[in-house]
Protein backbone atom coordinates (compact mmCIF):
# COMPACT_ATOMS: atom_id res chain seq x y z
CA UNK A 1 -32.46 -60.58 -69.04
CA UNK A 2 -34.06 -58.94 -66.03
CA UNK A 3 -32.63 -56.91 -63.20
CA UNK A 4 -29.20 -57.95 -61.95
CA UNK A 5 -26.53 -56.66 -59.59
CA UNK A 6 -22.82 -57.08 -58.96
CA UNK A 7 -22.56 -57.60 -55.20
CA UNK A 8 -19.62 -58.08 -52.82
CA UNK A 9 -20.07 -61.14 -50.60
CA UNK A 10 -17.20 -61.90 -48.21
CA UNK A 11 -14.67 -60.09 -50.39
CA UNK A 12 -15.69 -61.74 -53.68
CA UNK A 13 -17.88 -60.26 -56.39
CA UNK A 14 -20.91 -62.14 -57.70
CA UNK A 15 -23.39 -61.32 -60.46
CA UNK A 16 -26.83 -62.11 -59.03
CA UNK A 17 -30.45 -62.02 -60.16
CA UNK A 18 -33.67 -62.58 -58.26
CA UNK A 19 -34.58 -66.26 -57.61
CA UNK A 20 -30.99 -67.36 -58.36
CA UNK A 21 -29.12 -69.87 -56.20
CA UNK A 22 -25.42 -69.26 -55.62
CA UNK A 23 -22.68 -70.90 -53.58
CA UNK A 24 -20.46 -68.62 -51.49
CA UNK A 25 -17.76 -69.29 -48.92
CA UNK A 26 -19.10 -70.63 -45.64
CA UNK A 27 -21.04 -68.13 -43.54
CA UNK A 28 -21.93 -68.70 -39.89
CA UNK A 29 -25.69 -68.44 -40.40
CA UNK A 30 -28.44 -70.95 -39.76
CA UNK A 31 -30.58 -72.45 -42.47
CA UNK A 32 -33.65 -70.30 -43.20
CA UNK A 33 -32.09 -67.00 -42.05
CA UNK A 34 -32.13 -63.90 -44.25
CA UNK A 35 -29.15 -61.65 -44.90
CA UNK A 36 -28.88 -58.23 -46.57
CA UNK A 37 -25.89 -57.21 -48.68
CA UNK A 38 -25.28 -53.48 -49.06
CA UNK A 39 -21.99 -53.47 -51.00
CA UNK A 40 -23.43 -53.33 -54.50
CA UNK A 41 -21.01 -52.16 -57.18
CA UNK A 42 -23.34 -52.19 -60.19
CA UNK A 43 -27.09 -52.32 -60.54
CA UNK A 44 -28.77 -52.97 -63.89
CA UNK A 45 -32.45 -52.18 -63.81
CA UNK A 46 -34.39 -52.70 -67.02
CA UNK A 47 -34.53 -48.90 -67.37
CA UNK A 48 -31.02 -47.80 -66.41
CA UNK A 49 -27.61 -48.95 -65.23
CA UNK A 50 -26.19 -47.52 -62.01
CA UNK A 51 -22.49 -47.80 -61.30
CA UNK A 52 -21.40 -47.15 -57.75
CA UNK A 53 -18.65 -44.82 -56.64
CA UNK A 54 -17.58 -47.16 -54.99
CA UNK A 55 -21.01 -48.61 -54.13
CA UNK A 56 -24.56 -47.89 -55.25
CA UNK A 57 -26.40 -46.01 -52.52
CA UNK A 58 -29.89 -47.04 -51.38
CA UNK A 59 -29.66 -50.51 -52.91
CA UNK A 60 -29.89 -53.80 -51.00
CA UNK A 61 -29.75 -57.44 -52.06
CA UNK A 62 -31.66 -59.81 -49.76
CA UNK A 63 -30.78 -63.51 -49.68
CA UNK A 64 -31.99 -66.58 -47.80
CA UNK A 65 -29.64 -69.28 -46.51
CA UNK A 66 -30.67 -72.63 -48.01
CA UNK A 67 -28.00 -74.70 -46.31
CA UNK A 68 -24.34 -75.62 -46.01
CA UNK A 69 -22.39 -78.22 -47.92
CA UNK A 70 -18.92 -79.22 -49.04
CA UNK A 71 -17.54 -78.76 -52.52
CA UNK A 72 -15.67 -81.25 -54.67
CA UNK A 73 -12.41 -82.68 -53.41
CA UNK A 74 -9.30 -80.80 -54.48
CA UNK A 75 -6.09 -82.83 -54.71
CA UNK A 76 -2.80 -81.09 -53.83
CA UNK A 77 0.22 -83.05 -55.07
CA UNK A 78 3.81 -81.87 -54.55
CA UNK A 79 6.83 -83.60 -55.99
CA UNK A 80 10.52 -82.92 -56.42
CA UNK A 81 11.99 -85.11 -59.08
CA UNK A 82 15.05 -87.23 -58.37
CA UNK A 83 14.79 -86.41 -54.65
CA UNK A 84 12.34 -89.05 -53.47
CA UNK A 85 9.92 -86.37 -52.28
CA UNK A 86 6.22 -86.69 -53.02
CA UNK A 87 3.31 -85.46 -50.86
CA UNK A 88 -0.36 -85.92 -51.68
CA UNK A 89 -2.98 -83.96 -49.73
CA UNK A 90 -6.57 -83.01 -50.39
CA UNK A 91 -9.38 -80.97 -48.94
CA UNK A 92 -13.03 -80.10 -49.49
CA UNK A 93 -14.06 -76.46 -49.28
CA UNK A 94 -17.12 -75.52 -47.20
CA UNK A 95 -19.84 -73.53 -48.98
CA UNK A 96 -23.12 -71.84 -48.09
CA UNK A 97 -25.98 -72.01 -50.57
CA UNK A 98 -27.92 -68.76 -50.92
CA UNK A 99 -31.16 -67.96 -52.70
CA UNK A 100 -31.35 -64.35 -53.88
CA UNK A 101 -34.82 -63.21 -52.84
CA UNK A 102 -34.97 -59.54 -53.78
CA UNK A 103 -32.93 -56.73 -55.24
CA UNK A 104 -34.32 -53.52 -53.74
CA UNK A 105 -33.67 -49.98 -54.90
CA UNK A 106 -34.88 -46.65 -53.63
CA UNK A 107 -34.19 -44.34 -56.56
CA UNK A 108 -36.23 -41.24 -55.92
CA UNK A 109 -34.30 -38.78 -58.06
CA UNK A 110 -31.53 -39.07 -60.62
CA UNK A 111 -27.96 -38.69 -59.35
CA UNK A 112 -26.77 -35.09 -59.19
CA UNK A 113 -23.22 -35.73 -60.36
CA UNK A 114 -21.68 -38.21 -62.72
CA UNK A 115 -18.17 -39.51 -62.35
CA UNK A 116 -15.78 -37.91 -64.81
CA UNK A 117 -12.33 -39.20 -65.62
CA UNK A 118 -9.89 -36.34 -66.12
CA UNK A 119 -7.97 -36.72 -69.37
CA UNK A 120 -6.00 -34.14 -71.24
CA UNK A 121 -3.90 -34.20 -74.36
CA UNK A 122 -0.82 -33.45 -72.30
CA UNK A 123 -1.03 -36.87 -70.61
CA UNK A 124 1.95 -38.89 -71.77
CA UNK A 125 1.84 -42.63 -72.23
CA UNK A 126 5.10 -44.49 -71.65
CA UNK A 127 6.17 -46.70 -74.54
CA UNK A 128 9.02 -49.18 -74.42
């Protein structure tokens, strides 16, 4: 497995690799446009793994918009038994298809500090 990243796109997290096609919620972009995502939570290079606090600095994921389409139909059926109430609705979600072009990093020097989780023996765990 090559380089991959966990990226935040419109409030949802996706695991992406270069030359991968993904479907995300509809974005108001034209076909053929490029977009950069800077909210990267984890970056796995073949040499090291970088976990952001909360995001990885100096890392960008570039994607190209391939088009827009609708997903499969979702049926919503509500019923209350013995009441004569039944409602059937449906909808199709709009999606944007993206092609991940490049995962760029600018690591020039190793991070100066690592995140440490404070834990002491005096920490009590509640048991019920």
